[in-house]
Protein backbone atom coordinates (compact mmCIF):
# COMPACT_ATOMS: atom_id res chain seq x y z
CA MET A 1 13.90 -24.15 -17.46
CA LEU A 2 14.15 -23.55 -13.70
CA SER A 3 17.97 -23.65 -13.64
CA LYS A 4 18.04 -20.77 -16.16
CA ASN A 5 15.75 -18.74 -13.94
CA VAL A 6 17.43 -19.41 -10.59
CA THR A 7 19.77 -16.41 -10.96
CA LYS A 8 16.80 -14.11 -11.57
CA LEU A 9 14.92 -15.60 -8.62
CA GLN A 10 18.00 -15.16 -6.42
CA GLU A 11 18.08 -11.51 -7.45
CA LEU A 12 14.43 -11.12 -6.46
CA SER A 13 14.92 -12.91 -3.16
CA LYS A 14 17.44 -10.38 -1.86
CA LYS A 15 14.37 -8.74 -0.32
CA PRO A 16 12.02 -10.56 2.10
CA TYR A 17 9.22 -10.47 -0.50
CA PHE A 18 8.58 -9.40 -4.09
CA THR A 19 5.51 -8.64 -6.17
CA LEU A 20 4.08 -9.95 -9.41
CA ARG A 21 5.20 -6.68 -11.03
CA ASP A 22 8.79 -7.34 -9.86
CA VAL A 23 8.66 -10.79 -11.48
CA ALA A 24 7.29 -9.35 -14.74
CA GLN A 25 10.09 -6.74 -14.87
CA THR A 26 12.89 -9.14 -13.92
CA PHE A 27 11.82 -11.80 -16.43
CA GLY A 28 10.73 -9.34 -19.14
CA LEU A 29 7.19 -10.73 -19.18
CA LEU A 30 3.70 -9.33 -19.35
CA GLN A 31 1.90 -9.52 -15.98
CA ALA A 32 -0.41 -12.32 -17.21
CA SER A 33 2.60 -14.46 -18.22
CA ALA A 34 4.38 -13.60 -14.95
CA ARG A 35 1.31 -14.83 -13.04
CA VAL A 36 1.40 -18.17 -14.92
CA LEU A 37 5.14 -18.50 -14.15
CA CYS A 38 4.59 -17.74 -10.46
CA SER A 39 1.69 -20.21 -10.20
CA ARG A 40 3.88 -22.92 -11.74
CA TYR A 41 6.73 -22.21 -9.31
CA VAL A 42 4.32 -22.15 -6.34
CA ARG A 43 3.07 -25.62 -7.36
CA GLN A 44 6.67 -26.82 -7.66
CA GLY A 45 7.49 -25.47 -4.19
CA VAL A 46 10.06 -22.98 -5.53
CA LEU A 47 7.96 -19.91 -4.65
CA ILE A 48 5.70 -19.28 -1.65
CA ARG A 49 2.62 -17.14 -2.18
CA LEU A 50 2.24 -14.73 0.75
CA LYS A 51 -1.02 -13.38 -0.64
CA ASN A 52 -2.30 -12.55 -4.11
CA SER A 53 0.60 -11.04 -6.15
CA PHE A 54 3.10 -11.20 -3.22
CA TYR A 55 5.75 -13.93 -3.12
CA THR A 56 9.01 -15.07 -1.64
CA THR A 57 11.30 -17.96 -2.57
CA ALA A 58 11.31 -21.17 -0.53
CA TRP A 59 14.98 -20.70 0.38
CA LYS A 60 14.44 -17.09 1.44
CA TRP A 61 11.48 -18.13 3.60
CA ASP A 62 13.68 -20.53 5.56
CA ALA A 63 16.17 -17.72 6.26
CA LEU A 64 13.75 -14.91 7.19
CA THR A 65 14.68 -12.90 10.28
CA ARG A 66 12.21 -11.37 12.74
CA ARG A 67 12.72 -8.02 10.99
CA ASP A 68 11.90 -9.65 7.61
CA LEU A 69 8.67 -11.11 9.03
CA PHE A 70 7.74 -7.67 10.38
CA GLU A 71 8.40 -6.13 6.96
CA ILE A 72 6.13 -8.70 5.32
CA ALA A 73 3.47 -8.05 7.99
CA ASN A 74 3.59 -4.31 7.21
CA VAL A 75 2.86 -4.89 3.49
CA LEU A 76 0.31 -7.73 3.56
CA GLN A 77 -2.22 -5.22 4.87
CA VAL A 78 -1.72 -1.47 4.38
CA PRO A 79 -1.99 0.57 6.53
CA SER A 80 -1.03 -1.52 9.55
CA TYR A 81 1.58 -1.64 12.29
CA ILE A 82 3.03 -4.42 14.46
CA SER A 83 1.35 -4.36 17.88
CA LEU A 84 -0.14 -6.43 20.72
CA MET A 85 1.99 -9.24 22.18
CA THR A 86 4.31 -9.26 19.13
CA ALA A 87 5.33 -5.64 19.79
CA LEU A 88 5.43 -6.18 23.57
CA ALA A 89 7.85 -9.08 23.02
CA TYR A 90 9.94 -6.92 20.66
CA HIS A 91 10.18 -4.27 23.41
CA ASN A 92 11.05 -6.99 26.00
CA VAL A 93 7.90 -6.38 28.05
CA THR A 94 6.92 -10.07 27.71
CA THR A 95 8.57 -13.33 26.69
CA GLN A 96 5.27 -14.98 25.79
CA ALA A 97 4.88 -14.14 22.08
CA GLN A 98 5.31 -16.87 19.46
CA SER A 99 8.03 -16.16 16.92
CA ASN A 100 5.96 -17.50 14.00
CA TYR A 101 2.87 -15.43 14.91
CA GLN A 102 2.99 -11.77 13.86
CA GLU A 103 0.23 -9.58 15.29
CA SER A 104 -0.69 -6.23 13.77
CA VAL A 105 -3.51 -3.73 14.02
CA CYS A 106 -5.04 -2.17 10.92
CA LEU A 107 -7.80 0.12 9.66
CA LYS A 108 -9.42 -2.07 6.99
CA ARG A 109 -10.51 -5.48 8.26
CA SER A 110 -9.57 -8.20 10.70
CA ILE A 111 -7.95 -11.06 8.79
CA ALA A 112 -5.20 -13.65 9.17
CA TYR A 113 -2.83 -14.87 6.45
CA HIS A 114 -1.52 -18.39 7.00
CA VAL A 115 1.79 -18.95 5.23
CA ARG A 116 3.50 -22.32 5.81
CA ASP A 117 4.02 -22.47 9.60
CA ALA A 118 3.53 -18.74 10.15
CA VAL A 119 0.48 -16.58 10.78
CA PHE A 120 0.16 -12.87 10.02
CA SER A 121 -2.82 -11.71 12.06
CA TYR A 122 -4.55 -8.30 11.73
CA VAL A 123 -7.13 -6.80 14.06
CA LYS A 124 -9.15 -3.82 12.90
CA LEU A 125 -9.13 -0.70 15.11
CA GLN A 126 -11.31 2.37 14.79
CA SER A 127 -9.30 5.27 13.36
CA ARG A 128 -9.42 7.19 16.66
CA TYR A 129 -7.41 4.38 18.33
CA TYR A 130 -5.07 3.79 15.39
CA GLY A 131 -1.68 5.41 16.03
CA GLY A 132 1.10 5.57 18.59
CA PHE A 133 3.46 3.64 16.35
CA ILE A 134 7.05 4.41 15.45
CA LYS A 135 9.31 3.49 12.55
CA ILE A 136 12.29 1.35 13.55
CA ASP A 137 14.65 0.10 10.83
CA GLY A 138 11.94 0.74 8.22
CA ILE A 139 9.26 -1.15 10.19
CA PHE A 140 6.05 0.37 11.58
CA ILE A 141 5.65 -0.92 15.14
CA ALA A 142 3.68 0.29 18.17
CA ASP A 143 5.71 1.75 20.99
CA LYS A 144 5.43 -0.45 24.09
CA GLU A 145 2.77 1.62 25.86
CA LYS A 146 0.56 1.75 22.75
CA ALA A 147 1.00 -2.00 22.12
CA PHE A 148 -0.14 -2.54 25.72
CA LEU A 149 -3.16 -0.24 25.24
CA ASP A 150 -4.12 -1.87 21.93
CA ALA A 151 -4.14 -5.24 23.75
CA VAL A 152 -6.04 -3.93 26.79
CA TYR A 153 -8.63 -2.12 24.64
CA LEU A 154 -9.41 -5.29 22.64
CA TYR A 155 -9.25 -7.43 25.81
CA SER A 156 -11.69 -5.13 27.66
CA PHE A 157 -14.28 -5.80 24.93
CA GLY A 158 -13.62 -9.56 24.80
CA LYS A 159 -11.91 -9.37 21.39
CA TYR A 160 -8.42 -10.43 22.49
CA LYS A 161 -6.84 -12.83 24.95
CA PHE A 162 -3.39 -12.31 26.33
CA ASP A 163 -1.28 -13.49 29.24
CA ILE A 164 -1.35 -10.43 31.50
CA GLU A 165 0.77 -12.26 34.10
CA SER A 166 3.63 -12.50 31.59
CA LEU A 167 3.98 -8.69 31.30
CA ASP A 168 6.78 -6.89 33.10
CA MET A 169 4.73 -3.81 34.02
CA LYS A 170 7.82 -2.04 35.37
CA LYS A 171 9.00 -1.63 31.77
CA LEU A 172 5.97 0.48 30.85
CA GLU A 173 5.80 4.25 31.39
CA LEU A 174 2.60 4.84 33.36
CA LYS A 175 2.67 8.55 32.51
CA LYS A 176 2.50 7.72 28.81
CA ILE A 177 -0.31 5.19 29.32
CA LYS A 178 -2.25 7.80 31.33
CA SER A 179 -1.93 10.29 28.49
CA PHE A 180 -2.86 7.74 25.75
CA VAL A 181 -5.84 6.22 27.62
CA LYS A 182 -7.83 9.50 27.77
CA VAL A 183 -9.47 8.86 24.37
CA TYR A 184 -10.50 5.28 25.20
CA PRO A 185 -13.95 4.07 26.41
CA GLU A 186 -14.67 3.76 30.16
CA LYS A 187 -14.47 -0.04 29.97
CA THR A 188 -10.85 0.20 28.77
CA LYS A 189 -9.98 2.89 31.33
CA GLU A 190 -11.31 0.66 34.13
CA THR A 191 -9.25 -2.30 32.89
CA VAL A 192 -6.11 -0.13 32.68
CA LYS A 193 -6.80 1.11 36.22
CA LYS A 194 -7.00 -2.48 37.49
CA LEU A 195 -3.84 -3.57 35.71
CA CYS A 196 -1.69 -0.50 36.30
CA GLY A 197 -3.16 0.98 39.46
CA ILE A 198 -3.63 4.39 37.79
């Protein structure tokens, strides 16, 4: 049965992830039957469930690039954008981020999805602090100054730990930080002042 379906699964796994609806369409099944099929393949280790109704194949998982992981991070919680140490590492401001740990900020709720050896972590921000992200190669990611401010804001309230010593502060535009930080609470402004001397 599986050998017949491998071609269809290979078609689906051209993308980093696919949905239950994609499976139903590709296999010509009703969604309920597609869910049964996916559950069977997850048990057999052929498919990996990223979260409810989101999947990838085991062979695709082993070949995922950093960009693929970012794409998955963007869709596991919507809206969200890559930020914190993950974005700072992407922008070469630090070398301390783990490659199998994707950090994002979001508007809905703080949550972490554990998939095999990877973690997709989301920290909720108030809407007034949500923003300052850009779209690179189809991925929503904080620019380096906003990623820094997201980290400092959470750190200043004891909600985030990060290795400040690992940051190459020379790579950050202080002018931009100054302009962004105006909307933040005093506690965050004080922490930024200490770290950046502004």
